[in-house]
PDB file of N, CA and C in Angstrom:
ATOM      1  N   UNK A   1       0.994  -1.201  -0.042  1.00  0.00           N
ATOM      2  CA  UNK A   1       0.220   0.102   0.057  1.00  0.00           C
ATOM      3  C   UNK A   1       0.636   1.316  -0.027  1.00  0.00           C
ATOM      4  N   UNK A   2       1.946   0.875   0.513  1.00  0.00           N
ATOM      5  CA  UNK A   2       2.792   2.247   0.754  1.00  0.00           C
ATOM      6  C   UNK A   2       3.549   2.631  -0.546  1.00  0.00           C
ATOM      7  N   UNK A   3       4.304   1.119  -0.776  1.00  0.00           N
ATOM      8  CA  UNK A   3       4.648   1.940  -2.485  1.00  0.00           C
ATOM      9  C   UNK A   3       3.659   2.272  -3.351  1.00  0.00           C
ATOM     10  N   UNK A   4       2.590   1.689  -3.475  1.00  0.00           N
ATOM     11  CA  UNK A   4       1.647   2.417  -4.685  1.00  0.00           C
ATOM     12  C   UNK A   4       0.882   3.311  -4.299  1.00  0.00           C
ATOM     13  N   UNK A   5       1.248   4.126  -2.896  1.00  0.00           N
ATOM     14  CA  UNK A   5       0.728   5.468  -2.250  1.00  0.00           C
ATOM     15  C   UNK A   5       1.999   6.464  -3.215  1.00  0.00           C
ATOM     16  N   UNK A   6       3.444   5.919  -2.704  1.00  0.00           N
ATOM     17  CA  UNK A   6       4.510   6.899  -3.249  1.00  0.00           C
ATOM     18  C   UNK A   6       4.555   6.862  -4.580  1.00  0.00           C
ATOM     19  N   UNK A   7       3.887   5.900  -5.594  1.00  0.00           N
ATOM     20  CA  UNK A   7       4.123   5.921  -6.903  1.00  0.00           C
ATOM     21  C   UNK A   7       3.071   6.687  -7.459  1.00  0.00           C
ATOM     22  N   UNK A   8       2.155   6.639  -6.545  1.00  0.00           N
ATOM     23  CA  UNK A   8       0.821   7.547  -7.209  1.00  0.00           C
ATOM     24  C   UNK A   8       0.970   9.254  -7.036  1.00  0.00           C
ATOM     25  N   UNK A   9       1.858   9.484  -5.872  1.00  0.00           N
ATOM     26  CA  UNK A   9       2.485  10.890  -5.527  1.00  0.00           C
ATOM     27  C   UNK A   9       3.204  11.238  -6.505  1.00  0.00           C
ATOM     28  N   UNK A  10       4.341   9.952  -6.901  1.00  0.00           N
ATOM     29  CA  UNK A  10       5.628  10.684  -7.717  1.00  0.00           C
ATOM     30  C   UNK A  10       4.231  10.593  -9.290  1.00  0.00           C
ATOM     31  N   UNK A  11       3.787  10.437  -9.711  1.00  0.00           N
ATOM     32  CA  UNK A  11       2.920  10.093 -11.353  1.00  0.00           C
ATOM     33  C   UNK A  11       1.816  11.345 -11.098  1.00  0.00           C
ATOM     34  N   UNK A  12       1.441  12.074  -9.597  1.00  0.00           N
ATOM     35  CA  UNK A  12       1.018  13.390  -9.631  1.00  0.00           C
ATOM     36  C   UNK A  12       1.850  13.954  -9.526  1.00  0.00           C
ATOM     37  N   UNK A  13       3.139  14.767  -9.435  1.00  0.00           N
ATOM     38  CA  UNK A  13       4.027  15.464  -9.269  1.00  0.00           C
ATOM     39  C   UNK A  13       4.173  15.687 -10.312  1.00  0.00           C
ATOM     40  N   UNK A  14       4.845  14.537 -11.263  1.00  0.00           N
ATOM     41  CA  UNK A  14       4.822  14.676 -12.757  1.00  0.00           C
ATOM     42  C   UNK A  14       3.991  15.242 -13.747  1.00  0.00           C
ATOM     43  N   UNK A  15       2.968  15.322 -13.230  1.00  0.00           N
ATOM     44  CA  UNK A  15       1.631  15.661 -14.026  1.00  0.00           C
ATOM     45  C   UNK A  15       0.954  17.226 -13.410  1.00  0.00           C
ATOM     46  N   UNK A  16       1.281  17.596 -12.784  1.00  0.00           N
ATOM     47  CA  UNK A  16       1.301  18.484 -11.515  1.00  0.00           C
ATOM     48  C   UNK A  16       2.282  19.649 -12.198  1.00  0.00           C
ATOM     49  N   UNK A  17       2.375  20.248 -12.699  1.00  0.00           N
ATOM     50  CA  UNK A  17       3.311  21.406 -12.862  1.00  0.00           C
ATOM     51  C   UNK A  17       3.384  22.241 -11.449  1.00  0.00           C
ATOM     52  N   UNK A  18       2.800  22.633 -11.019  1.00  0.00           N
ATOM     53  CA  UNK A  18       2.640  23.794  -9.926  1.00  0.00           C
ATOM     54  C   UNK A  18       3.612  22.929  -8.665  1.00  0.00           C
ATOM     55  N   UNK A  19       3.312  21.824  -8.371  1.00  0.00           N
ATOM     56  CA  UNK A  19       3.911  20.812  -7.418  1.00  0.00           C
ATOM     57  C   UNK A  19       5.124  20.495  -8.012  1.00  0.00           C
ATOM     58  N   UNK A  20       5.200  20.051  -9.173  1.00  0.00           N
ATOM     59  CA  UNK A  20       6.557  19.751  -9.688  1.00  0.00           C
ATOM     60  C   UNK A  20       7.634  20.816  -9.618  1.00  0.00           C
ATOM     61  N   UNK A  21       7.446  22.295  -9.828  1.00  0.00           N
ATOM     62  CA  UNK A  21       8.143  23.129  -9.814  1.00  0.00           C
ATOM     63  C   UNK A  21       7.864  23.603  -8.555  1.00  0.00           C
ATOM     64  N   UNK A  22       7.784  23.497  -7.349  1.00  0.00           N
ATOM     65  CA  UNK A  22       7.659  23.770  -6.294  1.00  0.00           C
ATOM     66  C   UNK A  22       8.787  22.623  -5.756  1.00  0.00           C
ATOM     67  N   UNK A  23       8.724  21.566  -5.764  1.00  0.00           N
ATOM     68  CA  UNK A  23       9.356  20.822  -5.238  1.00  0.00           C
ATOM     69  C   UNK A  23      10.855  20.347  -6.084  1.00  0.00           C
ATOM     70  N   UNK A  24      10.847  21.569  -7.098  1.00  0.00           N
ATOM     71  CA  UNK A  24      12.283  21.471  -8.044  1.00  0.00           C
ATOM     72  C   UNK A  24      12.481  22.624  -7.099  1.00  0.00           C
ATOM     73  N   UNK A  25      11.892  23.363  -6.832  1.00  0.00           N
ATOM     74  CA  UNK A  25      12.332  24.945  -6.239  1.00  0.00           C
ATOM     75  C   UNK A  25      13.245  24.376  -4.749  1.00  0.00           C
ATOM     76  N   UNK A  26      12.458  23.613  -3.847  1.00  0.00           N
ATOM     77  CA  UNK A  26      12.845  23.276  -3.000  1.00  0.00           C
ATOM     78  C   UNK A  26      14.025  22.122  -3.116  1.00  0.00           C
ATOM     79  N   UNK A  27      14.274  21.554  -3.911  1.00  0.00           N
ATOM     80  CA  UNK A  27      15.732  20.688  -3.850  1.00  0.00           C
ATOM     81  C   UNK A  27      16.913  21.640  -4.877  1.00  0.00           C
ATOM     82  N   UNK A  28      16.732  22.582  -5.107  1.00  0.00           N
ATOM     83  CA  UNK A  28      17.319  23.782  -6.157  1.00  0.00           C
ATOM     84  C   UNK A  28      18.067  23.398  -6.804  1.00  0.00           C
ATOM     85  N   UNK A  29      17.095  22.219  -8.008  1.00  0.00           N
ATOM     86  CA  UNK A  29      17.260  22.263  -8.749  1.00  0.00           C
ATOM     87  C   UNK A  29      16.526  22.775 -10.227  1.00  0.00           C
ATOM     88  N   UNK A  30      17.205  23.034 -11.042  1.00  0.00           N
ATOM     89  CA  UNK A  30      16.597  24.010 -12.448  1.00  0.00           C
ATOM     90  C   UNK A  30      15.841  22.986 -13.085  1.00  0.00           C
ATOM     91  N   UNK A  31      14.351  23.157 -13.366  1.00  0.00           N
ATOM     92  CA  UNK A  31      13.587  21.463 -13.779  1.00  0.00           C
ATOM     93  C   UNK A  31      13.896  21.775 -14.913  1.00  0.00           C
ATOM     94  N   UNK A  32      13.785  23.116 -16.156  1.00  0.00           N
ATOM     95  CA  UNK A  32      14.780  22.811 -17.632  1.00  0.00           C
ATOM     96  C   UNK A  32      15.769  22.372 -17.789  1.00  0.00           C
ATOM     97  N   UNK A  33      16.701  21.439 -16.868  1.00  0.00           N
ATOM     98  CA  UNK A  33      17.712  20.649 -17.028  1.00  0.00           C
ATOM     99  C   UNK A  33      17.894  19.496 -16.059  1.00  0.00           C
ATOM    100  N   UNK A  34      16.421  19.624 -15.561  1.00  0.00           N
ATOM    101  CA  UNK A  34      16.461  17.730 -15.307  1.00  0.00           C
ATOM    102  C   UNK A  34      15.483  17.137 -16.416  1.00  0.00           C
ATOM    103  N   UNK A  35      15.673  15.771 -16.335  1.00  0.00           N
ATOM    104  CA  UNK A  35      14.553  14.670 -17.462  1.00  0.00           C
ATOM    105  C   UNK A  35      14.583  13.708 -16.637  1.00  0.00           C
ATOM    106  N   UNK A  36      13.887  13.090 -17.433  1.00  0.00           N
ATOM    107  CA  UNK A  36      13.020  11.392 -17.349  1.00  0.00           C
ATOM    108  C   UNK A  36      13.514  11.112 -15.892  1.00  0.00           C
ATOM    109  N   UNK A  37      14.397  10.102 -15.403  1.00  0.00           N
ATOM    110  CA  UNK A  37      14.301   9.453 -14.045  1.00  0.00           C
ATOM    111  C   UNK A  37      15.180  10.429 -13.174  1.00  0.00           C
ATOM    112  N   UNK A  38      15.766  11.447 -13.704  1.00  0.00           N
ATOM    113  CA  UNK A  38      16.582  12.648 -12.445  1.00  0.00           C
ATOM    114  C   UNK A  38      15.215  13.215 -12.203  1.00  0.00           C
ATOM    115  N   UNK A  39      14.529  13.356 -12.375  1.00  0.00           N
ATOM    116  CA  UNK A  39      13.219  13.886 -12.189  1.00  0.00           C
ATOM    117  C   UNK A  39      11.923  13.249 -11.208  1.00  0.00           C
ATOM    118  N   UNK A  40      11.872  11.687 -11.448  1.00  0.00           N
ATOM    119  CA  UNK A  40      11.612  11.108 -10.574  1.00  0.00           C
ATOM    120  C   UNK A  40      12.263  11.061 -10.013  1.00  0.00           C
ATOM    121  N   UNK A  41      13.592  10.553  -9.392  1.00  0.00           N
ATOM    122  CA  UNK A  41      14.652  10.712  -8.298  1.00  0.00           C
ATOM    123  C   UNK A  41      14.221  11.420  -7.707  1.00  0.00           C
ATOM    124  N   UNK A  42      14.051  13.230  -7.777  1.00  0.00           N
ATOM    125  CA  UNK A  42      14.269  14.189  -6.922  1.00  0.00           C
ATOM    126  C   UNK A  42      12.987  14.217  -6.621  1.00  0.00           C
ATOM    127  N   UNK A  43      11.518  13.623  -7.374  1.00  0.00           N
ATOM    128  CA  UNK A  43      10.271  13.386  -6.985  1.00  0.00           C
ATOM    129  C   UNK A  43      10.362  12.823  -5.377  1.00  0.00           C
ATOM    130  N   UNK A  44      10.880  11.411  -5.427  1.00  0.00           N
ATOM    131  CA  UNK A  44      11.406  10.337  -4.673  1.00  0.00           C
ATOM    132  C   UNK A  44      12.082  11.124  -3.475  1.00  0.00           C
ATOM    133  N   UNK A  45      12.911  11.790  -3.676  1.00  0.00           N
ATOM    134  CA  UNK A  45      13.761  12.290  -2.916  1.00  0.00           C
ATOM    135  C   UNK A  45      12.981  12.982  -1.852  1.00  0.00           C
ATOM    136  N   UNK A  46      12.058  14.300  -2.341  1.00  0.00           N
ATOM    137  CA  UNK A  46      11.450  14.821  -1.642  1.00  0.00           C
ATOM    138  C   UNK A  46      10.246  14.578  -0.919  1.00  0.00           C
ATOM    139  N   UNK A  47       9.926  13.068  -1.079  1.00  0.00           N
ATOM    140  CA  UNK A  47       8.818  12.753  -0.301  1.00  0.00           C
ATOM    141  C   UNK A  47       9.510  11.820   1.210  1.00  0.00           C
ATOM    142  N   UNK A  48      10.884  12.055   1.317  1.00  0.00           N
ATOM    143  CA  UNK A  48      11.525  11.618   2.884  1.00  0.00           C
ATOM    144  C   UNK A  48      11.957  13.033   3.601  1.00  0.00           C
TER     145      UNK A  48
END
């Protein structure tokens, strides 16, 4: 249940530009320079 919840959060983050930009801002990463797996990794790292 926890894993599926995290995956759901990641998918939500990736599809929601506002929250995604917010997460990138907190991570200190330029979202224009990140792509694919790095974006997913950042989303995961922000959940913990």
